[in-house]
């Protein structure tokens, strides 16, 4: 369960950012971006972050992060054409898992349109056995941990 009221999520609460533009094909019969597309955007943002920080596709990496849970709260519609900002922070940086919190913000707004949470557990890429995050993986993510 998300810790804060979703309506209280503001831009300053997130520490890493990317933007994504809606496409006409993203819309549902009502002209709003379809709920499934929000998950695609969250996954895209999270993957960009992981590649940028070197915890995905690093040359010597032997572990991968598998999503074991996710949830999303849809708070306000997004239309076409619209470019949105997606912010990311970490709820928890564990010994073998990371819980990410993400939010979508319309341009020039401070309140989230959607809030999502993903938990990834790190496993050996060959055996799928759980492994500890390396000190390097932890060090490149620590700045994203939510402040109390």
N, C-alpha and C. Protein backbone atom coordinates (compact mmCIF):
# COMPACT_ATOMS: atom_id res chain seq x y z
N UNK A 1 0.84 -1.18 0.00
CA UNK A 1 0.00 0.00 0.00
C UNK A 1 0.89 1.24 0.00
N UNK A 2 0.55 2.21 -0.81
CA UNK A 2 1.30 3.46 -0.83
C UNK A 2 1.16 4.16 0.50
N UNK A 3 2.24 4.75 0.97
CA UNK A 3 2.30 5.31 2.31
C UNK A 3 1.52 6.61 2.49
N UNK A 4 1.66 7.53 1.57
CA UNK A 4 1.00 8.82 1.68
C UNK A 4 -0.30 8.79 0.89
N UNK A 5 -1.16 9.71 1.22
CA UNK A 5 -2.34 9.87 0.38
C UNK A 5 -1.87 10.24 -1.02
N UNK A 6 -2.40 9.56 -2.02
CA UNK A 6 -1.97 9.82 -3.39
C UNK A 6 -2.16 11.28 -3.77
N UNK A 7 -3.18 11.90 -3.23
CA UNK A 7 -3.45 13.31 -3.54
C UNK A 7 -2.37 14.22 -2.98
N UNK A 8 -1.55 13.72 -2.06
CA UNK A 8 -0.49 14.52 -1.47
C UNK A 8 0.84 14.40 -2.22
N UNK A 9 0.88 13.59 -3.26
CA UNK A 9 2.13 13.41 -4.00
C UNK A 9 2.38 14.64 -4.87
N UNK A 10 3.55 15.25 -4.67
CA UNK A 10 3.93 16.45 -5.38
C UNK A 10 5.28 16.26 -6.06
N UNK A 11 5.55 17.10 -7.02
CA UNK A 11 6.79 17.00 -7.79
C UNK A 11 8.04 16.96 -6.91
N UNK A 12 8.09 17.78 -5.90
CA UNK A 12 9.31 17.87 -5.09
C UNK A 12 9.60 16.59 -4.30
N UNK A 13 8.66 15.66 -4.28
CA UNK A 13 8.84 14.40 -3.56
C UNK A 13 9.57 13.34 -4.39
N UNK A 14 9.86 13.64 -5.64
CA UNK A 14 10.50 12.68 -6.53
C UNK A 14 11.85 13.22 -6.97
N UNK A 15 12.81 12.32 -7.25
CA UNK A 15 14.20 12.73 -7.39
C UNK A 15 14.83 12.46 -8.76
N UNK A 16 14.19 11.66 -9.59
CA UNK A 16 14.69 11.37 -10.94
C UNK A 16 13.53 11.56 -11.90
N UNK A 17 13.81 12.14 -13.09
CA UNK A 17 12.73 12.53 -13.99
C UNK A 17 13.00 12.15 -15.44
N UNK A 18 11.92 11.87 -16.14
CA UNK A 18 11.94 11.73 -17.59
C UNK A 18 10.58 12.20 -18.09
N UNK A 19 10.48 12.47 -19.38
CA UNK A 19 9.18 12.84 -19.94
C UNK A 19 8.82 11.90 -21.07
N UNK A 20 7.52 11.72 -21.23
CA UNK A 20 6.98 10.83 -22.26
C UNK A 20 5.78 11.54 -22.89
N UNK A 21 5.66 11.40 -24.22
CA UNK A 21 4.54 12.00 -24.94
C UNK A 21 3.48 10.95 -25.23
N UNK A 22 2.22 11.35 -25.08
CA UNK A 22 1.13 10.44 -25.44
C UNK A 22 1.05 10.34 -26.96
N UNK A 23 0.53 9.20 -27.39
CA UNK A 23 0.30 8.96 -28.82
C UNK A 23 -1.20 8.75 -29.03
N UNK A 24 -1.68 9.00 -30.21
CA UNK A 24 -3.09 8.79 -30.50
C UNK A 24 -3.47 7.34 -30.19
N UNK A 25 -2.60 6.39 -30.51
CA UNK A 25 -2.87 4.97 -30.28
C UNK A 25 -2.97 4.62 -28.79
N UNK A 26 -2.52 5.50 -27.90
CA UNK A 26 -2.59 5.25 -26.45
C UNK A 26 -3.99 5.47 -25.88
N UNK A 27 -4.86 6.10 -26.66
CA UNK A 27 -6.16 6.52 -26.13
C UNK A 27 -7.22 5.43 -26.17
N UNK A 28 -8.15 5.53 -25.22
CA UNK A 28 -9.29 4.61 -25.17
C UNK A 28 -10.48 5.23 -25.89
N UNK A 29 -11.62 4.60 -25.79
CA UNK A 29 -12.82 5.07 -26.49
C UNK A 29 -13.29 6.44 -26.02
N UNK A 30 -12.84 6.87 -24.83
CA UNK A 30 -13.25 8.16 -24.27
C UNK A 30 -12.27 9.29 -24.63
N UNK A 31 -11.19 8.94 -25.35
CA UNK A 31 -10.20 9.94 -25.72
C UNK A 31 -9.15 10.19 -24.67
N UNK A 32 -9.14 9.37 -23.62
CA UNK A 32 -8.13 9.47 -22.57
C UNK A 32 -7.07 8.40 -22.79
N UNK A 33 -5.88 8.64 -22.27
CA UNK A 33 -4.85 7.61 -22.32
C UNK A 33 -5.36 6.40 -21.53
N UNK A 34 -5.26 5.22 -22.13
CA UNK A 34 -5.74 3.98 -21.52
C UNK A 34 -4.90 3.62 -20.30
N UNK A 35 -5.56 3.05 -19.29
CA UNK A 35 -4.87 2.69 -18.04
C UNK A 35 -3.66 1.78 -18.28
N UNK A 36 -3.75 0.85 -19.21
CA UNK A 36 -2.62 -0.04 -19.49
C UNK A 36 -1.41 0.73 -19.98
N UNK A 37 -1.63 1.84 -20.66
CA UNK A 37 -0.53 2.66 -21.16
C UNK A 37 0.24 3.30 -20.02
N UNK A 38 -0.44 3.66 -18.94
CA UNK A 38 0.25 4.22 -17.77
C UNK A 38 1.32 3.24 -17.30
N UNK A 39 0.96 1.95 -17.22
CA UNK A 39 1.93 0.93 -16.81
C UNK A 39 3.11 0.87 -17.79
N UNK A 40 2.83 0.99 -19.07
CA UNK A 40 3.89 1.00 -20.07
C UNK A 40 4.83 2.19 -19.84
N UNK A 41 4.26 3.35 -19.57
CA UNK A 41 5.08 4.53 -19.30
C UNK A 41 5.92 4.34 -18.04
N UNK A 42 5.30 3.80 -16.98
CA UNK A 42 6.06 3.55 -15.76
C UNK A 42 7.21 2.59 -16.02
N UNK A 43 6.94 1.53 -16.76
CA UNK A 43 7.97 0.54 -17.07
C UNK A 43 9.09 1.16 -17.90
N UNK A 44 8.73 2.01 -18.86
CA UNK A 44 9.73 2.69 -19.67
C UNK A 44 10.61 3.59 -18.81
N UNK A 45 10.00 4.38 -17.94
CA UNK A 45 10.77 5.28 -17.07
C UNK A 45 11.70 4.49 -16.16
N UNK A 46 11.18 3.43 -15.56
CA UNK A 46 11.99 2.61 -14.65
C UNK A 46 13.15 1.96 -15.38
N UNK A 47 12.92 1.48 -16.58
CA UNK A 47 13.98 0.86 -17.37
C UNK A 47 15.04 1.88 -17.76
N UNK A 48 14.62 3.09 -18.15
CA UNK A 48 15.58 4.16 -18.46
C UNK A 48 16.46 4.47 -17.25
N UNK A 49 15.83 4.59 -16.08
CA UNK A 49 16.57 4.85 -14.85
C UNK A 49 17.58 3.73 -14.59
N UNK A 50 17.14 2.48 -14.69
CA UNK A 50 18.01 1.33 -14.39
C UNK A 50 19.20 1.25 -15.34
N UNK A 51 18.97 1.55 -16.62
CA UNK A 51 20.08 1.55 -17.58
C UNK A 51 21.03 2.70 -17.28
N UNK A 52 20.45 3.90 -17.04
CA UNK A 52 21.27 5.08 -16.75
C UNK A 52 22.15 4.87 -15.51
N UNK A 53 21.60 4.24 -14.49
CA UNK A 53 22.32 4.04 -13.24
C UNK A 53 23.20 2.78 -13.25
N UNK A 54 23.13 2.00 -14.32
CA UNK A 54 24.00 0.83 -14.44
C UNK A 54 23.55 -0.38 -13.64
N UNK A 55 22.27 -0.45 -13.27
CA UNK A 55 21.81 -1.65 -12.58
C UNK A 55 21.06 -2.57 -13.54
N UNK A 56 21.02 -2.19 -14.80
CA UNK A 56 20.46 -3.03 -15.86
C UNK A 56 21.38 -2.89 -17.06
N UNK A 57 21.73 -4.01 -17.65
CA UNK A 57 22.59 -4.06 -18.82
C UNK A 57 24.02 -3.60 -18.58
N UNK A 58 24.49 -3.64 -17.33
CA UNK A 58 25.89 -3.30 -17.06
C UNK A 58 26.76 -4.43 -17.60
N UNK A 59 27.95 -4.12 -18.12
CA UNK A 59 28.79 -5.13 -18.77
C UNK A 59 29.10 -6.36 -17.90
N UNK A 60 29.37 -6.17 -16.63
CA UNK A 60 29.76 -7.30 -15.78
C UNK A 60 28.61 -7.81 -14.90
N UNK A 61 27.41 -7.36 -15.19
CA UNK A 61 26.26 -7.70 -14.34
C UNK A 61 25.88 -9.17 -14.49
N UNK A 62 25.63 -9.81 -13.34
CA UNK A 62 25.19 -11.22 -13.35
C UNK A 62 23.80 -11.37 -12.74
N UNK A 63 23.22 -10.26 -12.30
CA UNK A 63 21.88 -10.33 -11.70
C UNK A 63 20.89 -9.53 -12.54
N UNK A 64 19.61 -9.86 -12.34
CA UNK A 64 18.54 -9.12 -12.98
C UNK A 64 17.46 -8.85 -11.94
N UNK A 65 16.71 -7.78 -12.13
CA UNK A 65 15.61 -7.46 -11.23
C UNK A 65 14.29 -7.95 -11.81
N UNK A 66 13.59 -8.78 -11.05
CA UNK A 66 12.28 -9.29 -11.49
C UNK A 66 11.18 -8.62 -10.69
N UNK A 67 10.16 -8.15 -11.38
CA UNK A 67 9.03 -7.52 -10.70
C UNK A 67 8.22 -8.60 -9.98
N UNK A 68 8.06 -8.42 -8.66
CA UNK A 68 7.26 -9.38 -7.89
C UNK A 68 5.92 -8.80 -7.47
N UNK A 69 5.80 -7.47 -7.56
CA UNK A 69 4.50 -6.85 -7.26
C UNK A 69 4.46 -5.46 -7.87
N UNK A 70 3.23 -5.03 -8.16
CA UNK A 70 3.04 -3.66 -8.66
C UNK A 70 1.61 -3.25 -8.34
N UNK A 71 1.42 -1.95 -8.25
CA UNK A 71 0.08 -1.40 -8.06
C UNK A 71 0.06 0.00 -8.63
N UNK A 72 -1.12 0.45 -9.01
CA UNK A 72 -1.26 1.79 -9.57
C UNK A 72 -2.58 2.39 -9.14
N UNK A 73 -2.55 3.67 -8.84
CA UNK A 73 -3.76 4.43 -8.55
C UNK A 73 -3.87 5.51 -9.63
N UNK A 74 -5.02 5.50 -10.30
CA UNK A 74 -5.28 6.46 -11.38
C UNK A 74 -6.07 7.62 -10.79
N UNK A 75 -5.50 8.82 -10.88
CA UNK A 75 -6.07 9.97 -10.18
C UNK A 75 -6.70 11.02 -11.09
N UNK A 76 -6.17 11.16 -12.30
CA UNK A 76 -6.69 12.17 -13.23
C UNK A 76 -6.36 11.74 -14.65
N UNK A 77 -7.25 12.02 -15.60
CA UNK A 77 -7.00 11.58 -16.98
C UNK A 77 -5.89 12.38 -17.65
N UNK A 78 -5.29 11.72 -18.62
CA UNK A 78 -4.30 12.35 -19.50
C UNK A 78 -4.83 12.17 -20.91
N UNK A 79 -4.67 13.18 -21.74
CA UNK A 79 -5.25 13.18 -23.07
C UNK A 79 -4.17 13.14 -24.14
N UNK A 80 -4.60 13.12 -25.37
CA UNK A 80 -3.72 13.26 -26.52
C UNK A 80 -4.04 14.60 -27.17
N UNK A 81 -3.08 15.36 -27.60
CA UNK A 81 -1.65 15.18 -27.39
C UNK A 81 -1.23 15.81 -26.07
N UNK A 82 -0.37 15.13 -25.37
CA UNK A 82 0.11 15.65 -24.09
C UNK A 82 1.45 15.01 -23.77
N UNK A 83 2.38 15.79 -23.25
CA UNK A 83 3.64 15.28 -22.76
C UNK A 83 3.61 15.37 -21.24
N UNK A 84 3.99 14.29 -20.59
CA UNK A 84 3.94 14.22 -19.13
C UNK A 84 5.34 14.00 -18.57
N UNK A 85 5.49 14.35 -17.30
CA UNK A 85 6.72 14.09 -16.57
C UNK A 85 6.49 12.90 -15.65
N UNK A 86 7.46 12.01 -15.60
CA UNK A 86 7.39 10.87 -14.70
C UNK A 86 8.54 10.98 -13.71
N UNK A 87 8.19 11.01 -12.43
CA UNK A 87 9.18 11.09 -11.37
C UNK A 87 9.31 9.76 -10.67
N UNK A 88 10.53 9.50 -10.19
CA UNK A 88 10.81 8.24 -9.48
C UNK A 88 11.55 8.54 -8.19
N UNK A 89 11.20 7.76 -7.18
CA UNK A 89 11.95 7.73 -5.92
C UNK A 89 11.91 6.28 -5.43
N UNK A 90 12.70 5.99 -4.42
CA UNK A 90 12.68 4.65 -3.83
C UNK A 90 11.98 4.70 -2.49
N UNK A 91 11.04 3.79 -2.31
CA UNK A 91 10.44 3.62 -1.00
C UNK A 91 11.39 2.84 -0.10
N UNK A 92 12.06 1.85 -0.71
CA UNK A 92 12.94 0.97 0.07
C UNK A 92 14.07 0.47 -0.82
N UNK A 93 15.27 0.53 -0.27
CA UNK A 93 16.45 -0.05 -0.90
C UNK A 93 16.90 -1.18 0.02
N UNK A 94 16.46 -2.39 -0.28
CA UNK A 94 16.73 -3.53 0.58
C UNK A 94 18.05 -4.21 0.25
N UNK A 95 18.27 -5.35 0.85
CA UNK A 95 19.51 -6.09 0.60
C UNK A 95 19.47 -6.83 -0.74
N UNK A 96 18.28 -7.26 -1.16
CA UNK A 96 18.16 -7.94 -2.46
C UNK A 96 16.96 -7.46 -3.26
N UNK A 97 16.35 -6.37 -2.82
CA UNK A 97 15.18 -5.85 -3.54
C UNK A 97 15.15 -4.33 -3.49
N UNK A 98 14.41 -3.77 -4.45
CA UNK A 98 14.20 -2.33 -4.51
C UNK A 98 12.72 -2.09 -4.74
N UNK A 99 12.13 -1.22 -3.92
CA UNK A 99 10.74 -0.82 -4.14
C UNK A 99 10.75 0.61 -4.65
N UNK A 100 10.26 0.75 -5.89
CA UNK A 100 10.22 2.03 -6.58
C UNK A 100 8.83 2.63 -6.43
N UNK A 101 8.77 3.94 -6.29
CA UNK A 101 7.51 4.68 -6.35
C UNK A 101 7.64 5.66 -7.52
N UNK A 102 6.64 5.68 -8.37
CA UNK A 102 6.65 6.52 -9.55
C UNK A 102 5.36 7.32 -9.61
N UNK A 103 5.43 8.48 -10.24
CA UNK A 103 4.23 9.30 -10.40
C UNK A 103 4.28 10.00 -11.75
N UNK A 104 3.10 10.15 -12.34
CA UNK A 104 2.95 10.88 -13.60
C UNK A 104 2.35 12.24 -13.27
N UNK A 105 2.97 13.28 -13.83
CA UNK A 105 2.49 14.65 -13.64
C UNK A 105 2.26 15.28 -15.01
N UNK A 106 1.11 15.92 -15.18
CA UNK A 106 0.89 16.73 -16.36
C UNK A 106 1.79 17.95 -16.26
N UNK A 107 2.16 18.50 -17.41
CA UNK A 107 2.99 19.71 -17.42
C UNK A 107 2.27 20.82 -16.66
N UNK A 108 3.02 21.61 -15.93
CA UNK A 108 2.51 22.77 -15.19
C UNK A 108 1.53 22.39 -14.09
N UNK A 109 1.58 21.15 -13.62
CA UNK A 109 0.78 20.77 -12.46
C UNK A 109 1.70 20.20 -11.40
N UNK A 110 1.26 20.31 -10.17
CA UNK A 110 2.06 19.83 -9.05
C UNK A 110 1.49 18.56 -8.44
N UNK A 111 0.26 18.18 -8.82
CA UNK A 111 -0.35 16.98 -8.27
C UNK A 111 -0.29 15.84 -9.27
N UNK A 112 -0.06 14.65 -8.77
CA UNK A 112 0.09 13.47 -9.62
C UNK A 112 -1.22 13.09 -10.30
N UNK A 113 -1.10 12.62 -11.55
CA UNK A 113 -2.24 12.07 -12.28
C UNK A 113 -2.36 10.56 -12.05
N UNK A 114 -1.24 9.93 -11.71
CA UNK A 114 -1.22 8.50 -11.38
C UNK A 114 0.00 8.24 -10.51
N UNK A 115 -0.13 7.29 -9.61
CA UNK A 115 0.95 6.91 -8.70
C UNK A 115 1.09 5.39 -8.75
N UNK A 116 2.31 4.93 -8.88
CA UNK A 116 2.56 3.50 -9.05
C UNK A 116 3.68 3.04 -8.12
N UNK A 117 3.67 1.76 -7.82
CA UNK A 117 4.74 1.15 -7.02
C UNK A 117 5.13 -0.18 -7.68
N UNK A 118 6.43 -0.41 -7.81
CA UNK A 118 6.98 -1.67 -8.30
C UNK A 118 7.99 -2.17 -7.28
N UNK A 119 7.99 -3.46 -7.00
CA UNK A 119 9.06 -4.07 -6.21
C UNK A 119 9.78 -5.06 -7.10
N UNK A 120 11.09 -4.88 -7.21
CA UNK A 120 11.95 -5.79 -7.96
C UNK A 120 12.83 -6.55 -6.99
N UNK A 121 12.91 -7.85 -7.15
CA UNK A 121 13.84 -8.69 -6.40
C UNK A 121 14.95 -9.07 -7.36
N UNK A 122 16.18 -8.99 -6.89
CA UNK A 122 17.33 -9.30 -7.74
C UNK A 122 17.70 -10.76 -7.60
N UNK A 123 17.88 -11.38 -8.78
CA UNK A 123 18.19 -12.81 -8.86
C UNK A 123 19.35 -13.02 -9.83
N UNK A 124 20.02 -14.16 -9.71
CA UNK A 124 21.05 -14.55 -10.65
C UNK A 124 20.39 -14.75 -12.02
N UNK A 125 20.97 -14.15 -13.04
CA UNK A 125 20.34 -14.21 -14.36
C UNK A 125 20.25 -15.62 -14.93
N UNK A 126 21.09 -16.55 -14.47
CA UNK A 126 21.06 -17.92 -14.99
C UNK A 126 20.23 -18.86 -14.12
N UNK A 127 20.45 -18.82 -12.80
CA UNK A 127 19.78 -19.77 -11.91
C UNK A 127 18.45 -19.26 -11.38
N UNK A 128 18.24 -17.94 -11.44
CA UNK A 128 17.06 -17.26 -10.89
C UNK A 128 17.00 -17.34 -9.37
N UNK A 129 18.11 -17.70 -8.74
CA UNK A 129 18.18 -17.68 -7.28
C UNK A 129 18.40 -16.26 -6.78
N UNK A 130 17.79 -15.91 -5.68
CA UNK A 130 17.88 -14.56 -5.10
C UNK A 130 19.34 -14.23 -4.76
N UNK A 131 19.75 -13.01 -5.07
CA UNK A 131 21.11 -12.54 -4.77
C UNK A 131 21.04 -11.19 -4.06
N UNK A 132 22.12 -10.84 -3.39
CA UNK A 132 22.22 -9.54 -2.75
C UNK A 132 22.57 -8.47 -3.79
N UNK A 133 22.05 -7.28 -3.59
CA UNK A 133 22.49 -6.15 -4.40
C UNK A 133 23.96 -5.90 -4.08
N UNK A 134 24.73 -5.53 -5.10
CA UNK A 134 26.13 -5.21 -4.86
C UNK A 134 26.23 -3.83 -4.22
N UNK A 135 27.37 -3.55 -3.63
CA UNK A 135 27.59 -2.21 -3.06
C UNK A 135 27.52 -1.15 -4.15
N UNK A 136 28.00 -1.50 -5.34
CA UNK A 136 27.92 -0.56 -6.46
C UNK A 136 26.47 -0.28 -6.83
N UNK A 137 25.63 -1.32 -6.91
CA UNK A 137 24.22 -1.11 -7.22
C UNK A 137 23.55 -0.24 -6.16
N UNK A 138 23.84 -0.52 -4.91
CA UNK A 138 23.25 0.26 -3.83
C UNK A 138 23.71 1.71 -3.88
N UNK A 139 25.00 1.91 -4.13
CA UNK A 139 25.54 3.28 -4.10
C UNK A 139 24.98 4.17 -5.19
N UNK A 140 24.61 3.60 -6.35
CA UNK A 140 24.08 4.43 -7.44
C UNK A 140 22.59 4.71 -7.29
N UNK A 141 21.96 4.06 -6.29
CA UNK A 141 20.52 4.24 -6.09
C UNK A 141 20.17 4.97 -4.79
N UNK A 142 21.11 5.08 -3.88
CA UNK A 142 20.83 5.59 -2.53
C UNK A 142 20.25 7.01 -2.54
N UNK A 143 20.64 7.83 -3.50
CA UNK A 143 20.15 9.22 -3.54
C UNK A 143 18.66 9.31 -3.88
N UNK A 144 18.07 8.20 -4.32
CA UNK A 144 16.65 8.21 -4.69
C UNK A 144 15.73 7.77 -3.57
N UNK A 145 16.30 7.38 -2.42
CA UNK A 145 15.47 6.91 -1.30
C UNK A 145 14.65 8.06 -0.75
N UNK A 146 13.36 7.78 -0.56
CA UNK A 146 12.44 8.79 -0.04
C UNK A 146 12.90 9.28 1.32
N UNK A 147 12.84 10.57 1.51
CA UNK A 147 13.20 11.18 2.79
C UNK A 147 12.04 11.04 3.77
N UNK A 148 12.34 10.76 5.04
CA UNK A 148 11.24 10.61 6.03
C UNK A 148 10.48 11.89 6.29
